[in-house]
């Protein structure tokens, strides 16, 4: 992961499927190609939903990291 990438953050903690992915889609639409979104989510389904969304939409899924108790950060590069 290249930390020098421009990065935006979206807090979707407490939201359940499909809301984290829907909010990420909306935010990504307003971003420039190559910019990175850091999505914070507590929904257990996001571990499957976010990579699947990226594959379907053509965005680069950059991976995950622990972001606190029960929270995962998903990094997505806008296509």
C-alpha atoms as a PDB file:
ATOM      1  CA  UNK A   1       0.000   0.000   0.000  1.00  0.00           C
ATOM      2  CA  UNK A   2       1.317   3.380  -0.962  1.00  0.00           C
ATOM      3  CA  UNK A   3       0.506   5.848   1.821  1.00  0.00           C
ATOM      4  CA  UNK A   4       1.336   8.813  -0.428  1.00  0.00           C
ATOM      5  CA  UNK A   5      -1.855   8.226  -2.434  1.00  0.00           C
ATOM      6  CA  UNK A   6      -4.485  10.945  -1.967  1.00  0.00           C
ATOM      7  CA  UNK A   7      -6.864   9.510   0.618  1.00  0.00           C
ATOM      8  CA  UNK A   8     -10.472  10.200   1.576  1.00  0.00           C
ATOM      9  CA  UNK A   9     -12.209   8.637   4.567  1.00  0.00           C
ATOM     10  CA  UNK A  10     -15.793   7.425   4.896  1.00  0.00           C
ATOM     11  CA  UNK A  11     -17.130   6.358   8.285  1.00  0.00           C
ATOM     12  CA  UNK A  12     -19.741   3.622   7.789  1.00  0.00           C
ATOM     13  CA  UNK A  13     -19.433   2.159  11.289  1.00  0.00           C
ATOM     14  CA  UNK A  14     -22.737   0.869  12.622  1.00  0.00           C
ATOM     15  CA  UNK A  15     -24.285   0.544   9.153  1.00  0.00           C
ATOM     16  CA  UNK A  16     -25.364  -2.850   7.835  1.00  0.00           C
ATOM     17  CA  UNK A  17     -25.298  -4.364   4.347  1.00  0.00           C
ATOM     18  CA  UNK A  18     -25.756  -2.900   1.790  1.00  0.00           C
ATOM     19  CA  UNK A  19     -25.259   0.607   3.216  1.00  0.00           C
ATOM     20  CA  UNK A  20     -21.435   0.612   3.554  1.00  0.00           C
ATOM     21  CA  UNK A  21     -21.024  -0.339  -0.118  1.00  0.00           C
ATOM     22  CA  UNK A  22     -23.757   2.060  -1.293  1.00  0.00           C
ATOM     23  CA  UNK A  23     -22.145   4.954   0.586  1.00  0.00           C
ATOM     24  CA  UNK A  24     -18.712   3.989  -0.768  1.00  0.00           C
ATOM     25  CA  UNK A  25     -20.086   3.931  -4.320  1.00  0.00           C
ATOM     26  CA  UNK A  26     -21.551   7.408  -3.887  1.00  0.00           C
ATOM     27  CA  UNK A  27     -18.337   8.819  -2.413  1.00  0.00           C
ATOM     28  CA  UNK A  28     -16.159   7.219  -5.119  1.00  0.00           C
ATOM     29  CA  UNK A  29     -18.269   8.840  -7.853  1.00  0.00           C
ATOM     30  CA  UNK A  30     -17.171  12.240  -6.587  1.00  0.00           C
ATOM     31  CA  UNK A  31     -13.480  11.333  -6.471  1.00  0.00           C
ATOM     32  CA  UNK A  32     -10.831  11.571  -9.181  1.00  0.00           C
ATOM     33  CA  UNK A  33      -9.321   8.489 -10.775  1.00  0.00           C
ATOM     34  CA  UNK A  34      -6.400   7.213  -8.681  1.00  0.00           C
ATOM     35  CA  UNK A  35      -7.614   8.699  -5.409  1.00  0.00           C
ATOM     36  CA  UNK A  36      -7.994   6.326  -2.459  1.00  0.00           C
ATOM     37  CA  UNK A  37     -11.021   5.881  -0.210  1.00  0.00           C
ATOM     38  CA  UNK A  38     -10.545   4.492   3.304  1.00  0.00           C
ATOM     39  CA  UNK A  39     -13.883   2.975   4.296  1.00  0.00           C
ATOM     40  CA  UNK A  40     -14.427   2.261   8.002  1.00  0.00           C
ATOM     41  CA  UNK A  41     -16.999  -0.477   8.588  1.00  0.00           C
ATOM     42  CA  UNK A  42     -18.170  -2.710  11.407  1.00  0.00           C
ATOM     43  CA  UNK A  43     -20.551  -4.813   9.284  1.00  0.00           C
ATOM     44  CA  UNK A  44     -19.205  -8.404   9.189  1.00  0.00           C
ATOM     45  CA  UNK A  45     -20.549  -8.794   5.625  1.00  0.00           C
ATOM     46  CA  UNK A  46     -18.291  -5.980   4.382  1.00  0.00           C
ATOM     47  CA  UNK A  47     -15.330  -8.388   4.263  1.00  0.00           C
ATOM     48  CA  UNK A  48     -17.082 -10.053   1.298  1.00  0.00           C
ATOM     49  CA  UNK A  49     -19.141  -7.124  -0.024  1.00  0.00           C
ATOM     50  CA  UNK A  50     -16.364  -4.542  -0.442  1.00  0.00           C
ATOM     51  CA  UNK A  51     -13.940  -6.676  -2.520  1.00  0.00           C
ATOM     52  CA  UNK A  52     -16.876  -7.918  -4.626  1.00  0.00           C
ATOM     53  CA  UNK A  53     -18.061  -4.344  -5.229  1.00  0.00           C
ATOM     54  CA  UNK A  54     -14.542  -3.333  -6.297  1.00  0.00           C
ATOM     55  CA  UNK A  55     -14.274  -6.238  -8.737  1.00  0.00           C
ATOM     56  CA  UNK A  56     -17.681  -5.446 -10.249  1.00  0.00           C
ATOM     57  CA  UNK A  57     -17.070  -1.683 -10.499  1.00  0.00           C
ATOM     58  CA  UNK A  58     -13.460  -1.926 -11.691  1.00  0.00           C
ATOM     59  CA  UNK A  59     -11.896  -0.195  -8.669  1.00  0.00           C
ATOM     60  CA  UNK A  60      -8.664  -1.477  -7.109  1.00  0.00           C
ATOM     61  CA  UNK A  61      -9.172  -3.156  -3.740  1.00  0.00           C
ATOM     62  CA  UNK A  62      -5.986  -2.310  -1.834  1.00  0.00           C
ATOM     63  CA  UNK A  63      -6.669  -4.370   1.273  1.00  0.00           C
ATOM     64  CA  UNK A  64      -7.817  -4.106   4.849  1.00  0.00           C
ATOM     65  CA  UNK A  65      -6.447  -3.160   8.220  1.00  0.00           C
ATOM     66  CA  UNK A  66      -7.681  -3.295  11.794  1.00  0.00           C
ATOM     67  CA  UNK A  67      -9.174   0.090  12.731  1.00  0.00           C
ATOM     68  CA  UNK A  68     -10.233  -0.479  16.324  1.00  0.00           C
ATOM     69  CA  UNK A  69     -12.402  -2.995  18.184  1.00  0.00           C
ATOM     70  CA  UNK A  70     -14.745  -4.641  15.681  1.00  0.00           C
ATOM     71  CA  UNK A  71     -13.879  -2.125  12.950  1.00  0.00           C
ATOM     72  CA  UNK A  72     -12.051  -2.760   9.697  1.00  0.00           C
ATOM     73  CA  UNK A  73     -10.664  -0.176   7.282  1.00  0.00           C
ATOM     74  CA  UNK A  74     -10.994  -1.056   3.586  1.00  0.00           C
ATOM     75  CA  UNK A  75      -8.838   0.841   1.090  1.00  0.00           C
ATOM     76  CA  UNK A  76     -10.193   1.335  -2.439  1.00  0.00           C
ATOM     77  CA  UNK A  77      -8.460   3.123  -5.328  1.00  0.00           C
ATOM     78  CA  UNK A  78     -10.887   4.844  -7.690  1.00  0.00           C
ATOM     79  CA  UNK A  79     -10.719   3.502 -11.244  1.00  0.00           C
END
